[in-house]
Amino acid sequence: MSTEVKDVAADKVVDARGSGCPGPLVELIRALKEVEIGSIVEVWTKEPRTKDDAKAWCSRSGHQFLGAIQVDDYERVLVKRMK
């Protein structure tokens, strides 16, 4: 994980820690539709597959997967809206 990802300030944060797969990914997609192009969405998740699912979805959909950061018992998954 690069220092830049740790220091990224999200434009929108979605707390999906209580949601099982595929809930956090669905919430990420919904949040990306609500922000401007170039904005960053951060999803908090306890679902271990979210970062891999988000990375794969970003490669198919044209958005930029910035990375995931482990924080205590959850992950912060960051995605930049590209279109």
PDB file of N, CA and C in Angstrom:
ATOM      1  N   MET A   1       0.852  -1.179   0.000  1.00  0.00           N
ATOM      2  CA  MET A   1       0.000   0.000   0.000  1.00  0.00           C
ATOM      3  C   MET A   1       0.893   1.236   0.000  1.00  0.00           C
ATOM      4  N   SER A   2       0.598   2.149  -0.880  1.00  0.00           N
ATOM      5  CA  SER A   2       1.411   3.349  -0.960  1.00  0.00           C
ATOM      6  C   SER A   2       0.934   4.375   0.059  1.00  0.00           C
ATOM      7  N   THR A   3       1.822   5.282   0.409  1.00  0.00           N
ATOM      8  CA  THR A   3       1.481   6.346   1.329  1.00  0.00           C
ATOM      9  C   THR A   3       0.361   7.200   0.768  1.00  0.00           C
ATOM     10  N   GLU A   4       0.351   7.381  -0.551  1.00  0.00           N
ATOM     11  CA  GLU A   4      -0.675   8.220  -1.164  1.00  0.00           C
ATOM     12  C   GLU A   4      -2.084   7.700  -0.859  1.00  0.00           C
ATOM     13  N   VAL A   5      -2.284   6.402  -0.907  1.00  0.00           N
ATOM     14  CA  VAL A   5      -3.612   5.840  -0.657  1.00  0.00           C
ATOM     15  C   VAL A   5      -4.037   6.127   0.780  1.00  0.00           C
ATOM     16  N   LYS A   6      -3.129   6.011   1.718  1.00  0.00           N
ATOM     17  CA  LYS A   6      -3.454   6.303   3.115  1.00  0.00           C
ATOM     18  C   LYS A   6      -3.900   7.744   3.296  1.00  0.00           C
ATOM     19  N   ASP A   7      -3.326   8.637   2.502  1.00  0.00           N
ATOM     20  CA  ASP A   7      -3.578  10.068   2.659  1.00  0.00           C
ATOM     21  C   ASP A   7      -4.715  10.593   1.786  1.00  0.00           C
ATOM     22  N   VAL A   8      -5.343   9.731   1.006  1.00  0.00           N
ATOM     23  CA  VAL A   8      -6.429  10.159   0.124  1.00  0.00           C
ATOM     24  C   VAL A   8      -7.635  10.574   0.967  1.00  0.00           C
ATOM     25  N   ALA A   9      -8.179  11.722   0.633  1.00  0.00           N
ATOM     26  CA  ALA A   9      -9.397  12.201   1.304  1.00  0.00           C
ATOM     27  C   ALA A   9     -10.583  11.876   0.400  1.00  0.00           C
ATOM     28  N   ALA A  10     -11.491  11.066   0.915  1.00  0.00           N
ATOM     29  CA  ALA A  10     -12.661  10.665   0.131  1.00  0.00           C
ATOM     30  C   ALA A  10     -13.681  11.797   0.085  1.00  0.00           C
ATOM     31  N   ASP A  11     -14.362  11.890  -1.045  1.00  0.00           N
ATOM     32  CA  ASP A  11     -15.453  12.844  -1.192  1.00  0.00           C
ATOM     33  C   ASP A  11     -16.743  12.292  -0.589  1.00  0.00           C
ATOM     34  N   LYS A  12     -16.848  10.967  -0.551  1.00  0.00           N
ATOM     35  CA  LYS A  12     -18.032  10.312   0.024  1.00  0.00           C
ATOM     36  C   LYS A  12     -17.565   9.042   0.716  1.00  0.00           C
ATOM     37  N   VAL A  13     -18.034   8.827   1.944  1.00  0.00           N
ATOM     38  CA  VAL A  13     -17.701   7.623   2.704  1.00  0.00           C
ATOM     39  C   VAL A  13     -18.987   6.837   2.929  1.00  0.00           C
ATOM     40  N   VAL A  14     -18.919   5.539   2.632  1.00  0.00           N
ATOM     41  CA  VAL A  14     -20.064   4.654   2.819  1.00  0.00           C
ATOM     42  C   VAL A  14     -19.672   3.598   3.854  1.00  0.00           C
ATOM     43  N   ASP A  15     -20.425   3.535   4.935  1.00  0.00           N
ATOM     44  CA  ASP A  15     -20.163   2.538   5.973  1.00  0.00           C
ATOM     45  C   ASP A  15     -20.999   1.294   5.668  1.00  0.00           C
ATOM     46  N   ALA A  16     -20.343   0.286   5.088  1.00  0.00           N
ATOM     47  CA  ALA A  16     -21.026  -0.969   4.732  1.00  0.00           C
ATOM     48  C   ALA A  16     -20.534  -2.115   5.619  1.00  0.00           C
ATOM     49  N   ARG A  17     -20.067  -1.793   6.805  1.00  0.00           N
ATOM     50  CA  ARG A  17     -19.493  -2.823   7.691  1.00  0.00           C
ATOM     51  C   ARG A  17     -20.505  -3.858   8.138  1.00  0.00           C
ATOM     52  N   GLY A  18     -21.787  -3.539   8.104  1.00  0.00           N
ATOM     53  CA  GLY A  18     -22.805  -4.494   8.513  1.00  0.00           C
ATOM     54  C   GLY A  18     -23.384  -5.286   7.353  1.00  0.00           C
ATOM     55  N   SER A  19     -22.841  -5.089   6.162  1.00  0.00           N
ATOM     56  CA  SER A  19     -23.392  -5.691   4.951  1.00  0.00           C
ATOM     57  C   SER A  19     -22.504  -6.826   4.449  1.00  0.00           C
ATOM     58  N   GLY A  20     -23.126  -7.959   4.123  1.00  0.00           N
ATOM     59  CA  GLY A  20     -22.389  -9.087   3.553  1.00  0.00           C
ATOM     60  C   GLY A  20     -22.315  -8.976   2.042  1.00  0.00           C
ATOM     61  N   CYS A  21     -21.506  -9.811   1.446  1.00  0.00           N
ATOM     62  CA  CYS A  21     -21.314  -9.836  -0.006  1.00  0.00           C
ATOM     63  C   CYS A  21     -22.645 -10.132  -0.706  1.00  0.00           C
ATOM     64  N   PRO A  22     -23.016  -9.436  -1.742  1.00  0.00           N
ATOM     65  CA  PRO A  22     -22.296  -8.393  -2.470  1.00  0.00           C
ATOM     66  C   PRO A  22     -22.672  -6.979  -2.040  1.00  0.00           C
ATOM     67  N   GLY A  23     -23.254  -6.826  -0.847  1.00  0.00           N
ATOM     68  CA  GLY A  23     -23.734  -5.535  -0.377  1.00  0.00           C
ATOM     69  C   GLY A  23     -22.755  -4.382  -0.472  1.00  0.00           C
ATOM     70  N   PRO A  24     -21.513  -4.528   0.038  1.00  0.00           N
ATOM     71  CA  PRO A  24     -20.577  -3.406  -0.042  1.00  0.00           C
ATOM     72  C   PRO A  24     -20.285  -2.970  -1.485  1.00  0.00           C
ATOM     73  N   LEU A  25     -20.203  -3.921  -2.409  1.00  0.00           N
ATOM     74  CA  LEU A  25     -19.966  -3.560  -3.809  1.00  0.00           C
ATOM     75  C   LEU A  25     -21.177  -2.824  -4.377  1.00  0.00           C
ATOM     76  N   VAL A  26     -22.367  -3.289  -4.057  1.00  0.00           N
ATOM     77  CA  VAL A  26     -23.591  -2.623  -4.516  1.00  0.00           C
ATOM     78  C   VAL A  26     -23.634  -1.194  -3.976  1.00  0.00           C
ATOM     79  N   GLU A  27     -23.267  -1.014  -2.707  1.00  0.00           N
ATOM     80  CA  GLU A  27     -23.264   0.312  -2.104  1.00  0.00           C
ATOM     81  C   GLU A  27     -22.200   1.206  -2.735  1.00  0.00           C
ATOM     82  N   LEU A  28     -21.055   0.630  -3.099  1.00  0.00           N
ATOM     83  CA  LEU A  28     -20.012   1.374  -3.793  1.00  0.00           C
ATOM     84  C   LEU A  28     -20.522   1.888  -5.137  1.00  0.00           C
ATOM     85  N   ILE A  29     -21.136   1.013  -5.905  1.00  0.00           N
ATOM     86  CA  ILE A  29     -21.650   1.379  -7.224  1.00  0.00           C
ATOM     87  C   ILE A  29     -22.702   2.482  -7.088  1.00  0.00           C
ATOM     88  N   ARG A  30     -23.592   2.350  -6.133  1.00  0.00           N
ATOM     89  CA  ARG A  30     -24.622   3.364  -5.894  1.00  0.00           C
ATOM     90  C   ARG A  30     -23.980   4.711  -5.546  1.00  0.00           C
ATOM     91  N   ALA A  31     -22.982   4.686  -4.675  1.00  0.00           N
ATOM     92  CA  ALA A  31     -22.322   5.922  -4.241  1.00  0.00           C
ATOM     93  C   ALA A  31     -21.583   6.594  -5.396  1.00  0.00           C
ATOM     94  N   LEU A  32     -20.975   5.806  -6.273  1.00  0.00           N
ATOM     95  CA  LEU A  32     -20.266   6.390  -7.413  1.00  0.00           C
ATOM     96  C   LEU A  32     -21.216   7.149  -8.333  1.00  0.00           C
ATOM     97  N   LYS A  33     -22.452   6.691  -8.422  1.00  0.00           N
ATOM     98  CA  LYS A  33     -23.446   7.377  -9.258  1.00  0.00           C
ATOM     99  C   LYS A  33     -23.869   8.713  -8.655  1.00  0.00           C
ATOM    100  N   GLU A  34     -23.627   8.890  -7.357  1.00  0.00           N
ATOM    101  CA  GLU A  34     -24.069  10.094  -6.647  1.00  0.00           C
ATOM    102  C   GLU A  34     -23.016  11.192  -6.594  1.00  0.00           C
ATOM    103  N   VAL A  35     -21.773  10.881  -6.981  1.00  0.00           N
ATOM    104  CA  VAL A  35     -20.698  11.875  -6.896  1.00  0.00           C
ATOM    105  C   VAL A  35     -20.277  12.331  -8.288  1.00  0.00           C
ATOM    106  N   GLU A  36     -19.583  13.452  -8.329  1.00  0.00           N
ATOM    107  CA  GLU A  36     -19.089  14.015  -9.582  1.00  0.00           C
ATOM    108  C   GLU A  36     -17.936  13.170 -10.135  1.00  0.00           C
ATOM    109  N   ILE A  37     -17.723  13.245 -11.441  1.00  0.00           N
ATOM    110  CA  ILE A  37     -16.563  12.602 -12.065  1.00  0.00           C
ATOM    111  C   ILE A  37     -15.305  13.177 -11.425  1.00  0.00           C
ATOM    112  N   GLY A  38     -14.376  12.312 -11.104  1.00  0.00           N
ATOM    113  CA  GLY A  38     -13.138  12.717 -10.440  1.00  0.00           C
ATOM    114  C   GLY A  38     -13.202  12.598  -8.925  1.00  0.00           C
ATOM    115  N   SER A  39     -14.385  12.356  -8.391  1.00  0.00           N
ATOM    116  CA  SER A  39     -14.554  12.217  -6.946  1.00  0.00           C
ATOM    117  C   SER A  39     -14.129  10.825  -6.478  1.00  0.00           C
ATOM    118  N   ILE A  40     -13.811  10.742  -5.202  1.00  0.00           N
ATOM    119  CA  ILE A  40     -13.364   9.476  -4.614  1.00  0.00           C
ATOM    120  C   ILE A  40     -14.398   8.991  -3.605  1.00  0.00           C
ATOM    121  N   VAL A  41     -14.758   7.722  -3.735  1.00  0.00           N
ATOM    122  CA  VAL A  41     -15.675   7.074  -2.805  1.00  0.00           C
ATOM    123  C   VAL A  41     -14.879   6.069  -1.973  1.00  0.00           C
ATOM    124  N   GLU A  42     -15.123   6.098  -0.685  1.00  0.00           N
ATOM    125  CA  GLU A  42     -14.480   5.162   0.232  1.00  0.00           C
ATOM    126  C   GLU A  42     -15.564   4.307   0.876  1.00  0.00           C
ATOM    127  N   VAL A  43     -15.392   2.994   0.810  1.00  0.00           N
ATOM    128  CA  VAL A  43     -16.348   2.068   1.424  1.00  0.00           C
ATOM    129  C   VAL A  43     -15.660   1.373   2.592  1.00  0.00           C
ATOM    130  N   TRP A  44     -16.310   1.387   3.733  1.00  0.00           N
ATOM    131  CA  TRP A  44     -15.823   0.650   4.896  1.00  0.00           C
ATOM    132  C   TRP A  44     -16.516  -0.694   4.892  1.00  0.00           C
ATOM    133  N   THR A  45     -15.738  -1.768   4.956  1.00  0.00           N
ATOM    134  CA  THR A  45     -16.314  -3.105   4.838  1.00  0.00           C
ATOM    135  C   THR A  45     -15.577  -4.115   5.713  1.00  0.00           C
ATOM    136  N   LYS A  46     -16.337  -5.079   6.202  1.00  0.00           N
ATOM    137  CA  LYS A  46     -15.759  -6.226   6.915  1.00  0.00           C
ATOM    138  C   LYS A  46     -15.786  -7.462   6.019  1.00  0.00           C
ATOM    139  N   GLU A  47     -16.328  -7.313   4.823  1.00  0.00           N
ATOM    140  CA  GLU A  47     -16.432  -8.418   3.860  1.00  0.00           C
ATOM    141  C   GLU A  47     -15.086  -8.554   3.143  1.00  0.00           C
ATOM    142  N   PRO A  48     -14.366  -9.661   3.326  1.00  0.00           N
ATOM    143  CA  PRO A  48     -13.017  -9.790   2.773  1.00  0.00           C
ATOM    144  C   PRO A  48     -12.945  -9.772   1.247  1.00  0.00           C
ATOM    145  N   ARG A  49     -14.032 -10.081   0.562  1.00  0.00           N
ATOM    146  CA  ARG A  49     -13.987 -10.119  -0.904  1.00  0.00           C
ATOM    147  C   ARG A  49     -14.213  -8.761  -1.562  1.00  0.00           C
ATOM    148  N   THR A  50     -14.595  -7.769  -0.782  1.00  0.00           N
ATOM    149  CA  THR A  50     -14.965  -6.481  -1.366  1.00  0.00           C
ATOM    150  C   THR A  50     -13.846  -5.863  -2.186  1.00  0.00           C
ATOM    151  N   LYS A  51     -12.611  -5.866  -1.666  1.00  0.00           N
ATOM    152  CA  LYS A  51     -11.541  -5.196  -2.408  1.00  0.00           C
ATOM    153  C   LYS A  51     -11.280  -5.884  -3.747  1.00  0.00           C
ATOM    154  N   ASP A  52     -11.302  -7.211  -3.791  1.00  0.00           N
ATOM    155  CA  ASP A  52     -11.098  -7.924  -5.052  1.00  0.00           C
ATOM    156  C   ASP A  52     -12.269  -7.696  -6.009  1.00  0.00           C
ATOM    157  N   ASP A  53     -13.490  -7.721  -5.458  1.00  0.00           N
ATOM    158  CA  ASP A  53     -14.667  -7.466  -6.283  1.00  0.00           C
ATOM    159  C   ASP A  53     -14.644  -6.043  -6.842  1.00  0.00           C
ATOM    160  N   ALA A  54     -14.269  -5.075  -6.001  1.00  0.00           N
ATOM    161  CA  ALA A  54     -14.216  -3.676  -6.436  1.00  0.00           C
ATOM    162  C   ALA A  54     -13.148  -3.487  -7.505  1.00  0.00           C
ATOM    163  N   LYS A  55     -12.003  -4.122  -7.319  1.00  0.00           N
ATOM    164  CA  LYS A  55     -10.916  -4.004  -8.299  1.00  0.00           C
ATOM    165  C   LYS A  55     -11.359  -4.577  -9.646  1.00  0.00           C
ATOM    166  N   ALA A  56     -11.983  -5.747  -9.633  1.00  0.00           N
ATOM    167  CA  ALA A  56     -12.458  -6.376 -10.875  1.00  0.00           C
ATOM    168  C   ALA A  56     -13.556  -5.531 -11.523  1.00  0.00           C
ATOM    169  N   TRP A  57     -14.477  -5.017 -10.720  1.00  0.00           N
ATOM    170  CA  TRP A  57     -15.561  -4.200 -11.257  1.00  0.00           C
ATOM    171  C   TRP A  57     -15.009  -2.921 -11.881  1.00  0.00           C
ATOM    172  N   CYS A  58     -14.026  -2.304 -11.230  1.00  0.00           N
ATOM    173  CA  CYS A  58     -13.419  -1.080 -11.764  1.00  0.00           C
ATOM    174  C   CYS A  58     -12.764  -1.333 -13.117  1.00  0.00           C
ATOM    175  N   SER A  59     -12.089  -2.453 -13.272  1.00  0.00           N
ATOM    176  CA  SER A  59     -11.425  -2.739 -14.546  1.00  0.00           C
ATOM    177  C   SER A  59     -12.442  -2.941 -15.665  1.00  0.00           C
ATOM    178  N   ARG A  60     -13.637  -3.425 -15.327  1.00  0.00           N
ATOM    179  CA  ARG A  60     -14.688  -3.618 -16.337  1.00  0.00           C
ATOM    180  C   ARG A  60     -15.460  -2.333 -16.622  1.00  0.00           C
ATOM    181  N   SER A  61     -15.595  -1.492 -15.604  1.00  0.00           N
ATOM    182  CA  SER A  61     -16.488  -0.337 -15.731  1.00  0.00           C
ATOM    183  C   SER A  61     -15.775   0.967 -16.058  1.00  0.00           C
ATOM    184  N   GLY A  62     -14.450   0.979 -15.986  1.00  0.00           N
ATOM    185  CA  GLY A  62     -13.709   2.178 -16.352  1.00  0.00           C
ATOM    186  C   GLY A  62     -13.432   3.137 -15.210  1.00  0.00           C
ATOM    187  N   HIS A  63     -13.682   2.717 -13.981  1.00  0.00           N
ATOM    188  CA  HIS A  63     -13.345   3.548 -12.827  1.00  0.00           C
ATOM    189  C   HIS A  63     -11.972   3.116 -12.315  1.00  0.00           C
ATOM    190  N   GLN A  64     -11.387   3.910 -11.419  1.00  0.00           N
ATOM    191  CA  GLN A  64     -10.025   3.633 -10.951  1.00  0.00           C
ATOM    192  C   GLN A  64     -10.043   3.111  -9.519  1.00  0.00           C
ATOM    193  N   PHE A  65      -9.563   1.876  -9.353  1.00  0.00           N
ATOM    194  CA  PHE A  65      -9.411   1.284  -8.025  1.00  0.00           C
ATOM    195  C   PHE A  65      -8.131   1.858  -7.425  1.00  0.00           C
ATOM    196  N   LEU A  66      -8.248   2.572  -6.309  1.00  0.00           N
ATOM    197  CA  LEU A  66      -7.082   3.216  -5.703  1.00  0.00           C
ATOM    198  C   LEU A  66      -6.383   2.328  -4.689  1.00  0.00           C
ATOM    199  N   GLY A  67      -7.131   1.399  -4.086  1.00  0.00           N
ATOM    200  CA  GLY A  67      -6.526   0.495  -3.124  1.00  0.00           C
ATOM    201  C   GLY A  67      -7.418   0.252  -1.934  1.00  0.00           C
ATOM    202  N   ALA A  68      -6.914  -0.560  -1.011  1.00  0.00           N
ATOM    203  CA  ALA A  68      -7.635  -0.885   0.210  1.00  0.00           C
ATOM    204  C   ALA A  68      -6.668  -0.787   1.381  1.00  0.00           C
ATOM    205  N   ILE A  69      -7.176  -0.285   2.484  1.00  0.00           N
ATOM    206  CA  ILE A  69      -6.365  -0.094   3.683  1.00  0.00           C
ATOM    207  C   ILE A  69      -7.022  -0.855   4.830  1.00  0.00           C
ATOM    208  N   GLN A  70      -6.264  -1.712   5.495  1.00  0.00           N
ATOM    209  CA  GLN A  70      -6.771  -2.437   6.660  1.00  0.00           C
ATOM    210  C   GLN A  70      -6.746  -1.508   7.868  1.00  0.00           C
ATOM    211  N   VAL A  71      -7.888  -1.379   8.546  1.00  0.00           N
ATOM    212  CA  VAL A  71      -8.000  -0.552   9.741  1.00  0.00           C
ATOM    213  C   VAL A  71      -8.712  -1.377  10.806  1.00  0.00           C
ATOM    214  N   ASP A  72      -7.998  -1.761  11.838  1.00  0.00           N
ATOM    215  CA  ASP A  72      -8.581  -2.578  12.906  1.00  0.00           C
ATOM    216  C   ASP A  72      -9.284  -3.806  12.311  1.00  0.00           C
ATOM    217  N   ASP A  73     -10.611  -3.877  12.434  1.00  0.00           N
ATOM    218  CA  ASP A  73     -11.333  -5.072  11.978  1.00  0.00           C
ATOM    219  C   ASP A  73     -12.107  -4.843  10.679  1.00  0.00           C
ATOM    220  N   TYR A  74     -11.757  -3.819   9.932  1.00  0.00           N
ATOM    221  CA  TYR A  74     -12.411  -3.577   8.638  1.00  0.00           C
ATOM    222  C   TYR A  74     -11.419  -3.003   7.634  1.00  0.00           C
ATOM    223  N   GLU A  75     -11.854  -2.911   6.379  1.00  0.00           N
ATOM    224  CA  GLU A  75     -11.027  -2.326   5.325  1.00  0.00           C
ATOM    225  C   GLU A  75     -11.683  -1.078   4.776  1.00  0.00           C
ATOM    226  N   ARG A  76     -10.838  -0.147   4.365  1.00  0.00           N
ATOM    227  CA  ARG A  76     -11.276   1.041   3.643  1.00  0.00           C
ATOM    228  C   ARG A  76     -10.923   0.802   2.176  1.00  0.00           C
ATOM    229  N   VAL A  77     -11.924   0.722   1.316  1.00  0.00           N
ATOM    230  CA  VAL A  77     -11.737   0.477  -0.110  1.00  0.00           C
ATOM    231  C   VAL A  77     -12.003   1.799  -0.834  1.00  0.00           C
ATOM    232  N   LEU A  78     -11.018   2.249  -1.637  1.00  0.00           N
ATOM    233  CA  LEU A  78     -11.129   3.550  -2.278  1.00  0.00           C
ATOM    234  C   LEU A  78     -11.183   3.425  -3.795  1.00  0.00           C
ATOM    235  N   VAL A  79     -12.155   4.114  -4.387  1.00  0.00           N
ATOM    236  CA  VAL A  79     -12.372   4.082  -5.837  1.00  0.00           C
ATOM    237  C   VAL A  79     -12.621   5.505  -6.330  1.00  0.00           C
ATOM    238  N   LYS A  80     -12.014   5.832  -7.456  1.00  0.00           N
ATOM    239  CA  LYS A  80     -12.200   7.148  -8.076  1.00  0.00           C
ATOM    240  C   LYS A  80     -13.152   7.024  -9.268  1.00  0.00           C
ATOM    241  N   ARG A  81     -14.179   7.884  -9.295  1.00  0.00           N
ATOM    242  CA  ARG A  81     -15.119   7.888 -10.425  1.00  0.00           C
ATOM    243  C   ARG A  81     -14.437   8.529 -11.632  1.00  0.00           C
ATOM    244  N   MET A  82     -14.392   7.805 -12.736  1.00  0.00           N
ATOM    245  CA  MET A  82     -13.675   8.259 -13.927  1.00  0.00           C
ATOM    246  C   MET A  82     -14.582   8.684 -15.061  1.00  0.00           C
ATOM    247  N   LYS A  83     -15.861   8.332 -15.011  1.00  0.00           N
ATOM    248  CA  LYS A  83     -16.762   8.712 -16.112  1.00  0.00           C
ATOM    249  C   LYS A  83     -18.177   8.876 -15.621  1.00  0.00           C
TER     250      LYS A  83
END
